Amino acid sequence: MDLQERLARFEAADLYVVITEAFCAGRSSLEVLDAALEAGVRLVQFREKGLDSGAMHVKARAFRQHTRDAGALLIVNDRVDVALAVDADGVHLGQSDLPISVARTIAPELIIGGSSHNTEEALAIQDAGAGYVNIGPVFDTQTKSVPTGAVGPEMLDAVTPHLRIPWTTMGGIKLHNVGEVVARGARHVAVVTAVTAADDVAGAARALREAILSGRKEC
């Protein structure tokens, strides 16, 4: 699959589930992944910061097999090398990770996403050649710590008019507040524990997908 096909499939996705085993409520990350895929999720991020390279490769390779079988995109957090090694569809880079321009040179056919917390960062990510930019954390969250704290849904209004590439948003998004970001134009909503820690993973994913798709129709 080349970059253009990957980007087209990214654009068609709605819920973006970020999976870290520590936030899977005692279940394996693969169990949670399979339940999310069963619910129709077609955009997944593998995020395991605490694993050594060997263990990360083994687990990411399993994620690749499961997502490929379901026809879903797989994004690897932080590690361009692991993304390439398992034939993932993309890599997501933070502000302190490998520069996006360098990652684009190394992996020209991968979707490259970047994390931003304000307009300046978002535009720098766009100018560096990213395929998408994430804005957040929108609400308070326990799964990621950033110096800015929650930027608030109003940040979407400030940043997104300047973007020419797709954007995602995440950080403390749950079923009760997902409508706030969808009403501000979010088409790709990223979540962690709203799905991965839910008693019914598939049910939680379905409910969020329905809320996103319903909100899109109203916008």
N, C-alpha and C. Protein backbone atom coordinates (compact mmCIF):
# COMPACT_ATOMS: atom_id res chain seq x y z
N MET A 1 0.84 -1.19 0.00
CA MET A 1 0.00 0.00 0.00
C MET A 1 0.89 1.25 0.00
N ASP A 2 0.61 2.19 -0.89
CA ASP A 2 1.43 3.39 -0.93
C ASP A 2 0.83 4.48 -0.04
N LEU A 3 1.52 5.60 0.06
CA LEU A 3 1.11 6.67 0.95
C LEU A 3 -0.26 7.21 0.60
N GLN A 4 -0.54 7.41 -0.67
CA GLN A 4 -1.83 7.99 -1.06
C GLN A 4 -3.00 7.10 -0.66
N GLU A 5 -2.84 5.81 -0.83
CA GLU A 5 -3.91 4.89 -0.43
C GLU A 5 -4.07 4.91 1.09
N ARG A 6 -2.96 4.95 1.79
CA ARG A 6 -3.03 5.01 3.26
C ARG A 6 -3.73 6.28 3.73
N LEU A 7 -3.40 7.40 3.11
CA LEU A 7 -4.02 8.67 3.49
C LEU A 7 -5.52 8.66 3.19
N ALA A 8 -5.91 8.04 2.09
CA ALA A 8 -7.33 7.96 1.74
C ALA A 8 -8.08 7.14 2.78
N ARG A 9 -7.47 6.06 3.23
CA ARG A 9 -8.11 5.24 4.24
C ARG A 9 -8.12 5.93 5.60
N PHE A 10 -7.08 6.71 5.86
CA PHE A 10 -7.08 7.51 7.08
C PHE A 10 -8.24 8.50 7.06
N GLU A 11 -8.42 9.17 5.95
CA GLU A 11 -9.49 10.16 5.84
C GLU A 11 -10.86 9.53 6.02
N ALA A 12 -11.01 8.28 5.63
CA ALA A 12 -12.30 7.58 5.75
C ALA A 12 -12.59 7.10 7.17
N ALA A 13 -11.57 7.07 8.03
CA ALA A 13 -11.75 6.57 9.39
C ALA A 13 -12.46 7.59 10.27
N ASP A 14 -12.94 7.12 11.41
CA ASP A 14 -13.60 8.02 12.36
C ASP A 14 -12.94 7.95 13.73
N LEU A 15 -13.13 6.85 14.45
CA LEU A 15 -12.54 6.70 15.78
C LEU A 15 -11.11 6.18 15.66
N TYR A 16 -10.19 6.80 16.38
CA TYR A 16 -8.77 6.47 16.36
C TYR A 16 -8.43 5.95 17.76
N VAL A 17 -8.25 4.65 17.89
CA VAL A 17 -8.04 4.05 19.21
C VAL A 17 -6.55 3.84 19.46
N VAL A 18 -6.06 4.44 20.53
CA VAL A 18 -4.66 4.35 20.93
C VAL A 18 -4.57 3.31 22.06
N ILE A 19 -3.77 2.28 21.84
CA ILE A 19 -3.76 1.14 22.77
C ILE A 19 -2.41 1.00 23.46
N THR A 20 -2.47 1.05 24.79
CA THR A 20 -1.34 0.79 25.67
C THR A 20 -1.82 -0.24 26.69
N GLU A 21 -1.08 -1.34 26.84
CA GLU A 21 -1.57 -2.42 27.69
C GLU A 21 -1.80 -1.97 29.13
N ALA A 22 -1.03 -1.02 29.61
CA ALA A 22 -1.20 -0.55 30.99
C ALA A 22 -2.57 0.09 31.21
N PHE A 23 -3.23 0.51 30.14
CA PHE A 23 -4.54 1.14 30.25
C PHE A 23 -5.66 0.22 29.75
N CYS A 24 -5.41 -1.08 29.75
CA CYS A 24 -6.40 -2.04 29.23
C CYS A 24 -7.14 -2.79 30.34
N ALA A 25 -7.12 -2.26 31.55
CA ALA A 25 -7.90 -2.80 32.67
C ALA A 25 -7.61 -4.28 32.91
N GLY A 26 -6.33 -4.63 32.89
CA GLY A 26 -5.92 -5.99 33.20
C GLY A 26 -6.00 -6.98 32.06
N ARG A 27 -6.47 -6.55 30.93
CA ARG A 27 -6.56 -7.43 29.76
C ARG A 27 -5.33 -7.25 28.88
N SER A 28 -5.11 -8.20 27.98
CA SER A 28 -4.01 -8.03 27.04
C SER A 28 -4.38 -6.98 26.00
N SER A 29 -3.38 -6.30 25.49
CA SER A 29 -3.65 -5.29 24.47
C SER A 29 -4.22 -5.91 23.21
N LEU A 30 -3.84 -7.14 22.90
CA LEU A 30 -4.39 -7.81 21.71
C LEU A 30 -5.88 -8.12 21.89
N GLU A 31 -6.27 -8.47 23.10
CA GLU A 31 -7.69 -8.71 23.37
C GLU A 31 -8.50 -7.43 23.15
N VAL A 32 -7.97 -6.33 23.64
CA VAL A 32 -8.64 -5.04 23.46
C VAL A 32 -8.64 -4.65 21.99
N LEU A 33 -7.52 -4.85 21.32
CA LEU A 33 -7.45 -4.55 19.89
C LEU A 33 -8.52 -5.31 19.11
N ASP A 34 -8.64 -6.58 19.36
CA ASP A 34 -9.61 -7.39 18.62
C ASP A 34 -11.04 -6.92 18.86
N ALA A 35 -11.34 -6.53 20.09
CA ALA A 35 -12.69 -6.04 20.39
C ALA A 35 -12.96 -4.72 19.67
N ALA A 36 -11.94 -3.85 19.61
CA ALA A 36 -12.11 -2.58 18.90
C ALA A 36 -12.30 -2.82 17.41
N LEU A 37 -11.53 -3.72 16.85
CA LEU A 37 -11.68 -4.03 15.42
C LEU A 37 -13.05 -4.64 15.13
N GLU A 38 -13.54 -5.46 16.05
CA GLU A 38 -14.88 -6.04 15.89
C GLU A 38 -15.94 -4.95 15.81
N ALA A 39 -15.69 -3.83 16.51
CA ALA A 39 -16.65 -2.72 16.52
C ALA A 39 -16.52 -1.81 15.30
N GLY A 40 -15.64 -2.16 14.39
CA GLY A 40 -15.50 -1.38 13.16
C GLY A 40 -14.42 -0.33 13.19
N VAL A 41 -13.61 -0.28 14.24
CA VAL A 41 -12.50 0.67 14.29
C VAL A 41 -11.49 0.30 13.21
N ARG A 42 -11.11 1.29 12.42
CA ARG A 42 -10.18 1.04 11.32
C ARG A 42 -8.93 1.92 11.37
N LEU A 43 -8.69 2.49 12.55
CA LEU A 43 -7.49 3.30 12.75
C LEU A 43 -7.03 3.08 14.18
N VAL A 44 -5.83 2.48 14.31
CA VAL A 44 -5.33 2.05 15.62
C VAL A 44 -3.89 2.53 15.78
N GLN A 45 -3.56 2.96 17.00
CA GLN A 45 -2.17 3.28 17.31
C GLN A 45 -1.64 2.31 18.37
N PHE A 46 -0.47 1.76 18.08
CA PHE A 46 0.25 0.91 19.02
C PHE A 46 1.18 1.81 19.81
N ARG A 47 0.93 1.92 21.13
CA ARG A 47 1.70 2.85 21.96
C ARG A 47 2.21 2.12 23.20
N GLU A 48 3.46 1.73 23.17
CA GLU A 48 4.08 1.03 24.30
C GLU A 48 5.46 1.62 24.55
N LYS A 49 5.51 2.64 25.39
CA LYS A 49 6.77 3.34 25.63
C LYS A 49 7.73 2.58 26.53
N GLY A 50 7.22 1.67 27.35
CA GLY A 50 8.07 1.02 28.34
C GLY A 50 8.75 -0.26 27.88
N LEU A 51 8.51 -0.71 26.67
CA LEU A 51 9.07 -1.97 26.21
C LEU A 51 10.44 -1.76 25.57
N ASP A 52 11.31 -2.78 25.71
CA ASP A 52 12.56 -2.72 24.97
C ASP A 52 12.27 -3.00 23.50
N SER A 53 13.25 -2.77 22.66
CA SER A 53 13.03 -2.84 21.21
C SER A 53 12.57 -4.22 20.76
N GLY A 54 13.15 -5.26 21.34
CA GLY A 54 12.78 -6.61 20.94
C GLY A 54 11.34 -6.94 21.27
N ALA A 55 10.93 -6.65 22.51
CA ALA A 55 9.56 -6.92 22.93
C ALA A 55 8.58 -6.06 22.15
N MET A 56 8.97 -4.82 21.89
CA MET A 56 8.10 -3.94 21.12
C MET A 56 7.88 -4.47 19.71
N HIS A 57 8.94 -4.97 19.11
CA HIS A 57 8.82 -5.51 17.76
C HIS A 57 7.88 -6.71 17.72
N VAL A 58 8.00 -7.59 18.69
CA VAL A 58 7.14 -8.78 18.74
C VAL A 58 5.67 -8.38 18.87
N LYS A 59 5.40 -7.48 19.79
CA LYS A 59 4.00 -7.08 20.02
C LYS A 59 3.47 -6.27 18.83
N ALA A 60 4.29 -5.38 18.28
CA ALA A 60 3.84 -4.59 17.14
C ALA A 60 3.57 -5.48 15.93
N ARG A 61 4.36 -6.52 15.77
CA ARG A 61 4.14 -7.45 14.65
C ARG A 61 2.80 -8.15 14.79
N ALA A 62 2.42 -8.51 16.03
CA ALA A 62 1.11 -9.13 16.26
C ALA A 62 0.00 -8.13 15.97
N PHE A 63 0.18 -6.88 16.39
CA PHE A 63 -0.80 -5.83 16.07
C PHE A 63 -0.95 -5.69 14.56
N ARG A 64 0.17 -5.75 13.84
CA ARG A 64 0.12 -5.62 12.38
C ARG A 64 -0.70 -6.74 11.76
N GLN A 65 -0.51 -7.95 12.24
CA GLN A 65 -1.26 -9.07 11.68
C GLN A 65 -2.75 -8.92 11.92
N HIS A 66 -3.12 -8.56 13.14
CA HIS A 66 -4.54 -8.42 13.47
C HIS A 66 -5.18 -7.26 12.72
N THR A 67 -4.49 -6.13 12.63
CA THR A 67 -5.07 -4.99 11.92
C THR A 67 -5.14 -5.26 10.42
N ARG A 68 -4.14 -5.93 9.87
CA ARG A 68 -4.18 -6.25 8.45
C ARG A 68 -5.36 -7.17 8.14
N ASP A 69 -5.57 -8.17 8.99
CA ASP A 69 -6.69 -9.10 8.77
C ASP A 69 -8.03 -8.38 8.79
N ALA A 70 -8.12 -7.29 9.59
CA ALA A 70 -9.38 -6.55 9.71
C ALA A 70 -9.48 -5.41 8.70
N GLY A 71 -8.43 -5.17 7.93
CA GLY A 71 -8.45 -4.05 7.00
C GLY A 71 -8.30 -2.71 7.68
N ALA A 72 -7.58 -2.68 8.81
CA ALA A 72 -7.41 -1.45 9.58
C ALA A 72 -5.99 -0.91 9.42
N LEU A 73 -5.86 0.40 9.57
CA LEU A 73 -4.55 1.04 9.56
C LEU A 73 -3.88 0.89 10.91
N LEU A 74 -2.57 0.69 10.90
CA LEU A 74 -1.79 0.62 12.13
C LEU A 74 -0.75 1.73 12.15
N ILE A 75 -0.81 2.55 13.19
CA ILE A 75 0.16 3.61 13.43
C ILE A 75 0.99 3.21 14.65
N VAL A 76 2.30 3.32 14.57
CA VAL A 76 3.19 3.01 15.70
C VAL A 76 3.63 4.32 16.34
N ASN A 77 3.53 4.38 17.66
CA ASN A 77 3.93 5.59 18.38
C ASN A 77 5.45 5.67 18.50
N ASP A 78 6.00 6.81 18.18
CA ASP A 78 7.40 7.17 18.43
C ASP A 78 8.44 6.53 17.50
N ARG A 79 8.29 5.24 17.19
CA ARG A 79 9.39 4.47 16.64
C ARG A 79 9.26 4.23 15.14
N VAL A 80 9.98 5.02 14.37
CA VAL A 80 9.98 4.83 12.91
C VAL A 80 10.56 3.48 12.56
N ASP A 81 11.61 3.05 13.26
CA ASP A 81 12.25 1.77 12.96
C ASP A 81 11.29 0.60 13.15
N VAL A 82 10.53 0.63 14.23
CA VAL A 82 9.57 -0.45 14.49
C VAL A 82 8.44 -0.41 13.46
N ALA A 83 7.98 0.78 13.13
CA ALA A 83 6.92 0.90 12.13
C ALA A 83 7.36 0.30 10.80
N LEU A 84 8.58 0.58 10.38
CA LEU A 84 9.09 0.02 9.13
C LEU A 84 9.30 -1.48 9.25
N ALA A 85 9.78 -1.94 10.40
CA ALA A 85 10.10 -3.36 10.58
C ALA A 85 8.86 -4.24 10.50
N VAL A 86 7.71 -3.72 10.95
CA VAL A 86 6.49 -4.55 10.95
C VAL A 86 5.56 -4.19 9.79
N ASP A 87 6.01 -3.31 8.90
CA ASP A 87 5.19 -2.88 7.77
C ASP A 87 3.90 -2.19 8.24
N ALA A 88 4.04 -1.34 9.24
CA ALA A 88 2.90 -0.55 9.71
C ALA A 88 2.54 0.49 8.65
N ASP A 89 1.42 1.17 8.86
CA ASP A 89 0.96 2.18 7.91
C ASP A 89 1.45 3.58 8.25
N GLY A 90 1.93 3.75 9.47
CA GLY A 90 2.38 5.08 9.84
C GLY A 90 3.07 5.10 11.18
N VAL A 91 3.53 6.29 11.54
CA VAL A 91 4.19 6.51 12.82
C VAL A 91 3.71 7.85 13.37
N HIS A 92 3.56 7.91 14.69
CA HIS A 92 3.14 9.15 15.32
C HIS A 92 4.29 9.67 16.18
N LEU A 93 4.67 10.92 15.99
CA LEU A 93 5.84 11.49 16.64
C LEU A 93 5.45 12.67 17.54
N GLY A 94 6.06 12.68 18.72
CA GLY A 94 5.85 13.78 19.65
C GLY A 94 6.86 14.89 19.42
N GLN A 95 6.75 15.94 20.22
CA GLN A 95 7.62 17.10 20.06
C GLN A 95 9.09 16.78 20.32
N SER A 96 9.37 15.74 21.12
CA SER A 96 10.75 15.40 21.45
C SER A 96 11.26 14.18 20.69
N ASP A 97 10.49 13.69 19.73
CA ASP A 97 10.88 12.53 18.95
C ASP A 97 11.68 12.95 17.72
N LEU A 98 11.98 11.99 16.87
CA LEU A 98 12.68 12.26 15.62
C LEU A 98 11.94 13.34 14.83
N PRO A 99 12.63 14.32 14.28
CA PRO A 99 11.94 15.35 13.50
C PRO A 99 11.14 14.75 12.35
N ILE A 100 9.99 15.33 12.10
CA ILE A 100 9.11 14.82 11.06
C ILE A 100 9.77 14.85 9.70
N SER A 101 10.53 15.90 9.41
CA SER A 101 11.20 15.99 8.11
C SER A 101 12.19 14.84 7.92
N VAL A 102 12.85 14.43 8.99
CA VAL A 102 13.79 13.31 8.92
C VAL A 102 13.02 12.00 8.74
N ALA A 103 11.95 11.84 9.50
CA ALA A 103 11.13 10.63 9.38
C ALA A 103 10.56 10.51 7.97
N ARG A 104 10.16 11.62 7.37
CA ARG A 104 9.63 11.59 6.01
C ARG A 104 10.68 11.10 5.03
N THR A 105 11.94 11.48 5.24
CA THR A 105 13.03 11.02 4.37
C THR A 105 13.26 9.52 4.52
N ILE A 106 13.22 9.05 5.76
CA ILE A 106 13.47 7.63 6.04
C ILE A 106 12.31 6.76 5.59
N ALA A 107 11.10 7.26 5.76
CA ALA A 107 9.90 6.44 5.52
C ALA A 107 8.91 7.21 4.64
N PRO A 108 9.22 7.37 3.36
CA PRO A 108 8.39 8.22 2.50
C PRO A 108 6.97 7.70 2.25
N GLU A 109 6.74 6.40 2.45
CA GLU A 109 5.41 5.85 2.18
C GLU A 109 4.56 5.68 3.44
N LEU A 110 5.09 6.10 4.59
CA LEU A 110 4.32 6.00 5.83
C LEU A 110 3.54 7.29 6.09
N ILE A 111 2.35 7.15 6.67
CA ILE A 111 1.65 8.30 7.24
C ILE A 111 2.46 8.75 8.45
N ILE A 112 2.77 10.03 8.51
CA ILE A 112 3.50 10.55 9.67
C ILE A 112 2.63 11.59 10.35
N GLY A 113 2.32 11.32 11.61
CA GLY A 113 1.53 12.25 12.40
C GLY A 113 2.38 12.89 13.46
N GLY A 114 1.97 14.06 13.92
CA GLY A 114 2.71 14.76 14.95
C GLY A 114 1.79 15.35 16.00
N SER A 115 2.28 15.42 17.24
CA SER A 115 1.51 15.98 18.35
C SER A 115 1.75 17.48 18.48
N SER A 116 0.68 18.24 18.63
CA SER A 116 0.79 19.68 18.83
C SER A 116 -0.10 20.12 19.98
N HIS A 117 0.30 21.24 20.59
CA HIS A 117 -0.45 21.79 21.71
C HIS A 117 -0.87 23.24 21.47
N ASN A 118 -0.50 23.77 20.30
CA ASN A 118 -0.86 25.14 19.96
C ASN A 118 -0.72 25.34 18.45
N THR A 119 -1.09 26.51 17.98
CA THR A 119 -1.07 26.78 16.54
C THR A 119 0.35 26.72 15.98
N GLU A 120 1.30 27.29 16.69
CA GLU A 120 2.68 27.31 16.20
C GLU A 120 3.21 25.89 15.96
N GLU A 121 3.00 25.01 16.92
CA GLU A 121 3.46 23.63 16.78
C GLU A 121 2.73 22.93 15.64
N ALA A 122 1.43 23.15 15.55
CA ALA A 122 0.64 22.49 14.50
C ALA A 122 1.12 22.90 13.11
N LEU A 123 1.39 24.18 12.93
CA LEU A 123 1.84 24.66 11.62
C LEU A 123 3.24 24.16 11.29
N ALA A 124 4.10 24.03 12.30
CA ALA A 124 5.44 23.49 12.08
C ALA A 124 5.36 22.04 11.64
N ILE A 125 4.46 21.29 12.24
CA ILE A 125 4.25 19.88 11.86
C ILE A 125 3.76 19.80 10.42
N GLN A 126 2.81 20.63 10.08
CA GLN A 126 2.29 20.66 8.71
C GLN A 126 3.38 21.02 7.72
N ASP A 127 4.16 22.04 8.02
CA ASP A 127 5.21 22.50 7.11
C ASP A 127 6.32 21.47 6.95
N ALA A 128 6.49 20.61 7.95
CA ALA A 128 7.54 19.59 7.90
C ALA A 128 7.16 18.40 7.03
N GLY A 129 5.91 18.36 6.56
CA GLY A 129 5.50 17.30 5.66
C GLY A 129 4.70 16.18 6.29
N ALA A 130 4.09 16.44 7.44
CA ALA A 130 3.29 15.42 8.11
C ALA A 130 2.02 15.11 7.32
N GLY A 131 1.50 13.91 7.54
CA GLY A 131 0.24 13.52 6.92
C GLY A 131 -0.96 13.97 7.73
N TYR A 132 -0.76 14.13 9.04
CA TYR A 132 -1.82 14.64 9.91
C TYR A 132 -1.19 15.24 11.15
N VAL A 133 -1.94 16.07 11.83
CA VAL A 133 -1.48 16.67 13.08
C VAL A 133 -2.53 16.41 14.15
N ASN A 134 -2.07 16.05 15.34
CA ASN A 134 -2.97 15.88 16.47
C ASN A 134 -2.93 17.12 17.36
N ILE A 135 -4.09 17.53 17.85
CA ILE A 135 -4.22 18.69 18.72
C ILE A 135 -4.72 18.22 20.08
N GLY A 136 -4.02 18.57 21.14
CA GLY A 136 -4.47 18.15 22.45
C GLY A 136 -3.40 18.36 23.51
N PRO A 137 -3.66 17.88 24.71
CA PRO A 137 -4.88 17.22 25.14
C PRO A 137 -6.03 18.22 25.29
N VAL A 138 -7.18 17.87 24.78
CA VAL A 138 -8.31 18.78 24.80
C VAL A 138 -8.88 18.92 26.21
N PHE A 139 -9.07 17.79 26.87
CA PHE A 139 -9.57 17.78 28.24
C PHE A 139 -8.51 17.17 29.15
N ASP A 140 -8.72 17.28 30.45
CA ASP A 140 -7.78 16.68 31.39
C ASP A 140 -7.70 15.17 31.16
N THR A 141 -6.48 14.64 31.23
CA THR A 141 -6.27 13.23 30.99
C THR A 141 -5.17 12.70 31.89
N GLN A 142 -5.28 11.42 32.25
CA GLN A 142 -4.26 10.77 33.07
C GLN A 142 -3.30 9.93 32.23
N THR A 143 -3.55 9.85 30.93
CA THR A 143 -2.74 8.95 30.10
C THR A 143 -1.56 9.64 29.45
N LYS A 144 -1.50 10.97 29.53
CA LYS A 144 -0.39 11.71 28.94
C LYS A 144 -0.18 12.99 29.70
N SER A 145 1.08 13.29 30.00
CA SER A 145 1.41 14.51 30.72
C SER A 145 2.14 15.47 29.79
N VAL A 146 1.62 16.68 29.66
CA VAL A 146 2.29 17.71 28.85
C VAL A 146 2.33 18.99 29.67
N PRO A 147 3.34 19.82 29.45
CA PRO A 147 3.48 21.05 30.25
C PRO A 147 2.28 21.99 30.16
N THR A 148 1.60 21.97 29.02
CA THR A 148 0.49 22.90 28.83
C THR A 148 -0.73 22.52 29.63
N GLY A 149 -0.86 21.24 30.00
CA GLY A 149 -2.11 20.77 30.55
C GLY A 149 -3.16 20.74 29.45
N ALA A 150 -4.42 20.60 29.83
CA ALA A 150 -5.50 20.56 28.84
C ALA A 150 -5.59 21.90 28.11
N VAL A 151 -5.66 21.83 26.78
CA VAL A 151 -5.71 23.07 25.99
C VAL A 151 -7.13 23.56 25.80
N GLY A 152 -8.11 22.69 26.06
CA GLY A 152 -9.50 23.08 25.91
C GLY A 152 -9.99 22.94 24.48
N PRO A 153 -11.28 22.63 24.30
CA PRO A 153 -11.82 22.47 22.95
C PRO A 153 -11.73 23.74 22.12
N GLU A 154 -11.64 24.89 22.78
CA GLU A 154 -11.52 26.16 22.05
C GLU A 154 -10.24 26.23 21.22
N MET A 155 -9.23 25.44 21.61
CA MET A 155 -7.99 25.43 20.84
C MET A 155 -8.22 24.93 19.42
N LEU A 156 -9.20 24.06 19.24
CA LEU A 156 -9.51 23.57 17.90
C LEU A 156 -9.96 24.73 17.01
N ASP A 157 -10.73 25.65 17.57
CA ASP A 157 -11.19 26.80 16.80
C ASP A 157 -10.02 27.68 16.37
N ALA A 158 -8.99 27.75 17.23
CA ALA A 158 -7.84 28.61 16.94
C ALA A 158 -6.90 27.99 15.92
N VAL A 159 -6.74 26.67 15.99
CA VAL A 159 -5.72 26.00 15.18
C VAL A 159 -6.23 25.56 13.81
N THR A 160 -7.38 24.92 13.78
CA THR A 160 -7.79 24.19 12.57
C THR A 160 -8.03 25.05 11.33
N PRO A 161 -8.43 26.32 11.45
CA PRO A 161 -8.58 27.10 10.22
C PRO A 161 -7.28 27.27 9.43
N HIS A 162 -6.14 27.05 10.09
CA HIS A 162 -4.84 27.23 9.44
C HIS A 162 -4.30 25.94 8.83
N LEU A 163 -5.01 24.84 9.00
CA LEU A 163 -4.49 23.54 8.57
C LEU A 163 -4.97 23.16 7.17
N ARG A 164 -4.05 22.61 6.40
CA ARG A 164 -4.37 22.08 5.07
C ARG A 164 -4.31 20.56 5.04
N ILE A 165 -3.93 19.95 6.16
CA ILE A 165 -3.82 18.50 6.25
C ILE A 165 -4.85 17.99 7.26
N PRO A 166 -5.18 16.71 7.22
CA PRO A 166 -6.12 16.17 8.21
C PRO A 166 -5.61 16.38 9.63
N TRP A 167 -6.54 16.45 10.57
CA TRP A 167 -6.14 16.59 11.97
C TRP A 167 -6.99 15.68 12.85
N THR A 168 -6.37 15.27 13.94
CA THR A 168 -7.04 14.49 14.95
C THR A 168 -7.00 15.28 16.25
N THR A 169 -7.78 14.83 17.21
CA THR A 169 -7.73 15.47 18.52
C THR A 169 -7.93 14.41 19.58
N MET A 170 -7.28 14.59 20.72
CA MET A 170 -7.40 13.60 21.79
C MET A 170 -7.14 14.25 23.13
N GLY A 171 -7.31 13.46 24.18
CA GLY A 171 -7.04 13.92 25.53
C GLY A 171 -8.32 14.05 26.33
N GLY A 172 -8.64 13.04 27.13
CA GLY A 172 -9.80 13.09 28.01
C GLY A 172 -11.14 13.03 27.30
N ILE A 173 -11.14 12.61 26.04
CA ILE A 173 -12.40 12.55 25.29
C ILE A 173 -13.16 11.27 25.65
N LYS A 174 -14.41 11.45 26.04
CA LYS A 174 -15.29 10.36 26.43
C LYS A 174 -16.61 10.51 25.68
N LEU A 175 -17.49 9.56 25.89
CA LEU A 175 -18.78 9.62 25.19
C LEU A 175 -19.55 10.89 25.55
N HIS A 176 -19.45 11.35 26.79
CA HIS A 176 -20.26 12.50 27.21
C HIS A 176 -19.76 13.83 26.64
N ASN A 177 -18.49 13.88 26.19
CA ASN A 177 -17.99 15.16 25.68
C ASN A 177 -17.49 15.10 24.24
N VAL A 178 -17.59 13.94 23.60
CA VAL A 178 -17.10 13.82 22.22
C VAL A 178 -17.83 14.78 21.29
N GLY A 179 -19.09 15.06 21.60
CA GLY A 179 -19.85 15.98 20.77
C GLY A 179 -19.26 17.37 20.71
N GLU A 180 -18.54 17.78 21.77
CA GLU A 180 -17.93 19.11 21.79
C GLU A 180 -16.84 19.25 20.74
N VAL A 181 -16.08 18.18 20.51
CA VAL A 181 -15.01 18.28 19.51
C VAL A 181 -15.55 18.03 18.11
N VAL A 182 -16.54 17.16 17.98
CA VAL A 182 -17.13 16.92 16.67
C VAL A 182 -17.83 18.17 16.16
N ALA A 183 -18.48 18.89 17.06
CA ALA A 183 -19.15 20.15 16.68
C ALA A 183 -18.16 21.20 16.20
N ARG A 184 -16.89 21.04 16.58
CA ARG A 184 -15.85 21.97 16.14
C ARG A 184 -15.10 21.44 14.93
N GLY A 185 -15.65 20.42 14.29
CA GLY A 185 -15.10 19.95 13.03
C GLY A 185 -14.26 18.70 13.09
N ALA A 186 -14.11 18.09 14.27
CA ALA A 186 -13.28 16.89 14.39
C ALA A 186 -13.92 15.71 13.64
N ARG A 187 -13.17 15.17 12.70
CA ARG A 187 -13.62 13.98 11.96
C ARG A 187 -12.92 12.72 12.44
N HIS A 188 -11.77 12.90 13.06
CA HIS A 188 -10.96 11.78 13.53
C HIS A 188 -10.66 12.02 15.01
N VAL A 189 -11.34 11.28 15.86
CA VAL A 189 -11.25 11.51 17.30
C VAL A 189 -10.46 10.38 17.93
N ALA A 190 -9.36 10.73 18.60
CA ALA A 190 -8.49 9.73 19.22
C ALA A 190 -8.82 9.57 20.70
N VAL A 191 -8.88 8.33 21.15
CA VAL A 191 -9.17 8.03 22.55
C VAL A 191 -8.26 6.92 23.04
N VAL A 192 -8.10 6.88 24.35
CA VAL A 192 -7.38 5.77 24.98
C VAL A 192 -8.36 5.04 25.89
N THR A 193 -8.46 5.46 27.13
CA THR A 193 -9.22 4.69 28.11
C THR A 193 -10.72 4.67 27.87
N ALA A 194 -11.25 5.63 27.12
CA ALA A 194 -12.69 5.59 26.82
C ALA A 194 -13.07 4.28 26.14
N VAL A 195 -12.10 3.67 25.47
CA VAL A 195 -12.31 2.36 24.84
C VAL A 195 -11.52 1.28 25.58
N THR A 196 -10.22 1.49 25.78
CA THR A 196 -9.38 0.40 26.26
C THR A 196 -9.69 -0.03 27.69
N ALA A 197 -10.20 0.88 28.52
CA ALA A 197 -10.50 0.54 29.91
C ALA A 197 -11.98 0.26 30.13
N ALA A 198 -12.78 0.30 29.08
CA ALA A 198 -14.22 0.07 29.21
C ALA A 198 -14.51 -1.39 29.55
N ASP A 199 -15.57 -1.61 30.31
CA ASP A 199 -15.98 -3.00 30.60
C ASP A 199 -16.30 -3.73 29.31
N ASP A 200 -16.99 -3.04 28.41
CA ASP A 200 -17.37 -3.59 27.10
C ASP A 200 -16.64 -2.77 26.04
N VAL A 201 -15.47 -3.25 25.64
CA VAL A 201 -14.63 -2.50 24.70
C VAL A 201 -15.36 -2.27 23.38
N ALA A 202 -15.90 -3.33 22.82
CA ALA A 202 -16.58 -3.20 21.53
C ALA A 202 -17.78 -2.27 21.64
N GLY A 203 -18.53 -2.39 22.72
CA GLY A 203 -19.70 -1.52 22.90
C GLY A 203 -19.31 -0.06 23.03
N ALA A 204 -18.23 0.21 23.78
CA ALA A 204 -17.76 1.58 23.94
C ALA A 204 -17.29 2.15 22.61
N ALA A 205 -16.58 1.34 21.84
CA ALA A 205 -16.11 1.81 20.53
C ALA A 205 -17.27 2.09 19.59
N ARG A 206 -18.26 1.23 19.59
CA ARG A 206 -19.45 1.44 18.73
C ARG A 206 -20.17 2.72 19.11
N ALA A 207 -20.35 2.95 20.40
CA ALA A 207 -21.07 4.14 20.85
C ALA A 207 -20.33 5.41 20.45
N LEU A 208 -19.00 5.42 20.58
CA LEU A 208 -18.23 6.59 20.18
C LEU A 208 -18.27 6.79 18.67
N ARG A 209 -18.17 5.71 17.92
CA ARG A 209 -18.25 5.83 16.46
C ARG A 209 -19.60 6.39 16.04
N GLU A 210 -20.65 5.92 16.66
CA GLU A 210 -21.98 6.41 16.32
C GLU A 210 -22.11 7.89 16.65
N ALA A 211 -21.54 8.31 17.77
CA ALA A 211 -21.61 9.72 18.16
C ALA A 211 -20.83 10.59 17.18
N ILE A 212 -19.66 10.12 16.75
CA ILE A 212 -18.87 10.88 15.79
C ILE A 212 -19.60 11.00 14.46
N LEU A 213 -20.10 9.88 13.96
CA LEU A 213 -20.77 9.89 12.66
C LEU A 213 -22.05 10.70 12.71
N SER A 214 -22.78 10.62 13.81
CA SER A 214 -23.99 11.40 13.94
C SER A 214 -23.67 12.89 14.01
N GLY A 215 -22.63 13.24 14.76
CA GLY A 215 -22.22 14.64 14.86
C GLY A 215 -21.76 15.22 13.54
N ARG A 216 -21.09 14.40 12.75
CA ARG A 216 -20.64 14.86 11.42
C ARG A 216 -21.83 15.27 10.56
N LYS A 217 -22.90 14.48 10.62
CA LYS A 217 -24.07 14.76 9.79
C LYS A 217 -24.72 16.07 10.17
N GLU A 218 -24.59 16.44 11.45
CA GLU A 218 -25.24 17.66 11.93
C GLU A 218 -24.41 18.91 11.64
N CYS A 219 -23.12 18.71 11.37
CA CYS A 219 -22.24 19.86 11.13
C CYS A 219 -22.40 20.40 9.72
